[in-house]
Amino acid sequence: MRMQRLLIDRSTLDLIAADAQDFLNVLNASGLHQASAMMLGVLEQLQSDRANLPEERGGAAQNPQPT
């Protein structure tokens, strides 16, 4: 069964990636190399997801006014 991806904004994804990096550091410090390798894969996917997010625009560009 394929997992559905949720749409999230850039700032939320940045917070998730920062926490994931902290967790990766803990795994490395603990010597848990297999878990660390798995977490590195998660971080790589988060970076890929961030690169594929649409560019953020200013408020006026998001809500164009009718002419």
N, C-alpha and C. Protein backbone atom coordinates (compact mmCIF):
# COMPACT_ATOMS: atom_id res chain seq x y z
N MET A 1 0.84 -1.17 0.00
CA MET A 1 0.00 0.00 0.00
C MET A 1 0.89 1.24 0.00
N ARG A 2 0.60 2.15 -0.89
CA ARG A 2 1.40 3.36 -1.02
C ARG A 2 0.91 4.44 -0.05
N MET A 3 1.85 5.12 0.59
CA MET A 3 1.50 6.15 1.55
C MET A 3 1.23 7.47 0.84
N GLN A 4 0.16 8.14 1.21
CA GLN A 4 -0.17 9.43 0.61
C GLN A 4 0.72 10.51 1.21
N ARG A 5 1.24 11.39 0.37
CA ARG A 5 2.07 12.49 0.84
C ARG A 5 1.19 13.68 1.17
N LEU A 6 1.50 14.31 2.30
CA LEU A 6 0.77 15.50 2.71
C LEU A 6 1.46 16.73 2.16
N LEU A 7 0.68 17.73 1.80
CA LEU A 7 1.24 18.98 1.33
C LEU A 7 1.56 19.85 2.54
N ILE A 8 2.81 20.27 2.67
CA ILE A 8 3.21 21.13 3.77
C ILE A 8 3.99 22.30 3.21
N ASP A 9 4.09 23.35 4.00
CA ASP A 9 4.81 24.52 3.53
C ASP A 9 6.30 24.41 3.86
N ARG A 10 7.07 25.32 3.30
CA ARG A 10 8.52 25.30 3.41
C ARG A 10 9.00 25.42 4.86
N SER A 11 8.38 26.29 5.65
CA SER A 11 8.83 26.48 7.03
C SER A 11 8.60 25.23 7.88
N THR A 12 7.49 24.55 7.64
CA THR A 12 7.21 23.30 8.36
C THR A 12 8.22 22.23 7.97
N LEU A 13 8.51 22.15 6.70
CA LEU A 13 9.49 21.17 6.22
C LEU A 13 10.88 21.47 6.79
N ASP A 14 11.22 22.75 6.91
CA ASP A 14 12.51 23.12 7.50
C ASP A 14 12.60 22.69 8.96
N LEU A 15 11.50 22.84 9.71
CA LEU A 15 11.49 22.40 11.11
C LEU A 15 11.65 20.88 11.22
N ILE A 16 10.97 20.17 10.36
CA ILE A 16 11.07 18.71 10.36
C ILE A 16 12.50 18.29 10.03
N ALA A 17 13.10 18.92 9.04
CA ALA A 17 14.47 18.58 8.64
C ALA A 17 15.46 18.90 9.75
N ALA A 18 15.27 20.00 10.46
CA ALA A 18 16.17 20.35 11.57
C ALA A 18 16.09 19.32 12.69
N ASP A 19 14.87 18.90 13.02
CA ASP A 19 14.70 17.86 14.04
C ASP A 19 15.29 16.53 13.58
N ALA A 20 15.13 16.22 12.30
CA ALA A 20 15.69 14.98 11.76
C ALA A 20 17.21 15.01 11.83
N GLN A 21 17.80 16.16 11.56
CA GLN A 21 19.26 16.29 11.64
C GLN A 21 19.73 16.11 13.08
N ASP A 22 19.00 16.69 14.03
CA ASP A 22 19.35 16.50 15.45
C ASP A 22 19.29 15.02 15.84
N PHE A 23 18.26 14.34 15.37
CA PHE A 23 18.10 12.92 15.68
C PHE A 23 19.23 12.11 15.04
N LEU A 24 19.60 12.47 13.81
CA LEU A 24 20.71 11.80 13.14
C LEU A 24 22.00 11.96 13.96
N ASN A 25 22.22 13.14 14.49
CA ASN A 25 23.40 13.39 15.31
C ASN A 25 23.41 12.51 16.56
N VAL A 26 22.24 12.33 17.17
CA VAL A 26 22.13 11.47 18.36
C VAL A 26 22.43 10.02 17.99
N LEU A 27 21.88 9.58 16.86
CA LEU A 27 22.12 8.20 16.42
C LEU A 27 23.61 7.98 16.16
N ASN A 28 24.25 8.93 15.50
CA ASN A 28 25.69 8.82 15.24
C ASN A 28 26.49 8.78 16.53
N ALA A 29 26.15 9.66 17.46
CA ALA A 29 26.87 9.73 18.73
C ALA A 29 26.69 8.44 19.54
N SER A 30 25.56 7.79 19.35
CA SER A 30 25.27 6.55 20.08
C SER A 30 25.88 5.32 19.41
N GLY A 31 26.43 5.51 18.23
CA GLY A 31 27.03 4.38 17.54
C GLY A 31 26.01 3.48 16.87
N LEU A 32 24.83 3.97 16.64
CA LEU A 32 23.77 3.17 16.00
C LEU A 32 23.85 3.39 14.49
N HIS A 33 24.79 2.72 13.86
CA HIS A 33 25.12 2.99 12.47
C HIS A 33 24.03 2.59 11.48
N GLN A 34 23.35 1.49 11.72
CA GLN A 34 22.30 1.07 10.80
C GLN A 34 21.12 2.05 10.87
N ALA A 35 20.74 2.44 12.08
CA ALA A 35 19.66 3.42 12.23
C ALA A 35 20.08 4.77 11.66
N SER A 36 21.34 5.11 11.82
CA SER A 36 21.87 6.36 11.29
C SER A 36 21.79 6.38 9.77
N ALA A 37 22.11 5.27 9.14
CA ALA A 37 22.03 5.19 7.68
C ALA A 37 20.60 5.35 7.19
N MET A 38 19.67 4.75 7.93
CA MET A 38 18.26 4.91 7.56
C MET A 38 17.81 6.36 7.71
N MET A 39 18.24 7.00 8.78
CA MET A 39 17.86 8.39 9.03
C MET A 39 18.47 9.31 7.98
N LEU A 40 19.66 8.98 7.52
CA LEU A 40 20.29 9.76 6.47
C LEU A 40 19.45 9.70 5.19
N GLY A 41 18.88 8.55 4.91
CA GLY A 41 17.97 8.42 3.77
C GLY A 41 16.74 9.29 3.92
N VAL A 42 16.23 9.37 5.13
CA VAL A 42 15.07 10.25 5.39
C VAL A 42 15.45 11.70 5.14
N LEU A 43 16.62 12.10 5.62
CA LEU A 43 17.07 13.48 5.40
C LEU A 43 17.25 13.79 3.92
N GLU A 44 17.77 12.85 3.18
CA GLU A 44 17.93 13.06 1.74
C GLU A 44 16.57 13.23 1.06
N GLN A 45 15.58 12.47 1.49
CA GLN A 45 14.23 12.61 0.93
C GLN A 45 13.63 13.96 1.29
N LEU A 46 13.86 14.42 2.52
CA LEU A 46 13.37 15.74 2.92
C LEU A 46 14.00 16.84 2.08
N GLN A 47 15.30 16.71 1.79
CA GLN A 47 15.96 17.70 0.94
C GLN A 47 15.38 17.68 -0.47
N SER A 48 15.10 16.50 -0.97
CA SER A 48 14.49 16.37 -2.29
C SER A 48 13.10 17.00 -2.30
N ASP A 49 12.33 16.73 -1.26
CA ASP A 49 10.98 17.31 -1.17
C ASP A 49 11.05 18.83 -1.12
N ARG A 50 12.02 19.36 -0.37
CA ARG A 50 12.15 20.81 -0.26
C ARG A 50 12.51 21.42 -1.61
N ALA A 51 13.37 20.76 -2.36
CA ALA A 51 13.77 21.26 -3.67
C ALA A 51 12.60 21.26 -4.65
N ASN A 52 11.62 20.39 -4.43
CA ASN A 52 10.48 20.29 -5.34
C ASN A 52 9.28 21.13 -4.92
N LEU A 53 9.41 21.86 -3.81
CA LEU A 53 8.31 22.73 -3.40
C LEU A 53 8.18 23.89 -4.38
N PRO A 54 6.95 24.32 -4.63
CA PRO A 54 6.80 25.50 -5.49
C PRO A 54 7.38 26.73 -4.79
N GLU A 55 7.85 27.67 -5.59
CA GLU A 55 8.42 28.90 -5.04
C GLU A 55 7.34 29.68 -4.31
N GLU A 56 7.72 30.25 -3.15
CA GLU A 56 6.79 31.08 -2.40
C GLU A 56 6.75 32.46 -3.03
N ARG A 57 5.54 33.03 -3.04
CA ARG A 57 5.39 34.37 -3.59
C ARG A 57 4.81 35.27 -2.53
N GLY A 58 4.86 36.55 -2.79
CA GLY A 58 4.29 37.53 -1.87
C GLY A 58 2.79 37.40 -1.80
N GLY A 59 2.17 38.02 -0.80
CA GLY A 59 0.73 37.94 -0.60
C GLY A 59 -0.06 38.43 -1.80
N ALA A 60 0.38 39.49 -2.45
CA ALA A 60 -0.35 40.02 -3.61
C ALA A 60 -0.36 39.03 -4.75
N ALA A 61 0.73 38.32 -4.94
CA ALA A 61 0.81 37.35 -6.03
C ALA A 61 -0.06 36.14 -5.75
N GLN A 62 -0.26 35.80 -4.48
CA GLN A 62 -1.07 34.65 -4.13
C GLN A 62 -2.56 34.96 -4.26
N ASN A 63 -2.94 36.18 -4.01
CA ASN A 63 -4.35 36.57 -4.05
C ASN A 63 -4.55 37.70 -5.06
N PRO A 64 -4.50 37.38 -6.35
CA PRO A 64 -4.64 38.44 -7.33
C PRO A 64 -6.02 39.07 -7.26
N GLN A 65 -6.07 40.38 -7.46
CA GLN A 65 -7.33 41.12 -7.43
C GLN A 65 -7.94 41.12 -8.83
N PRO A 66 -9.26 40.95 -8.94
CA PRO A 66 -9.89 41.01 -10.26
C PRO A 66 -9.78 42.43 -10.84
N THR A 67 -9.64 42.52 -12.15
CA THR A 67 -9.53 43.83 -12.79
C THR A 67 -10.78 44.24 -13.48
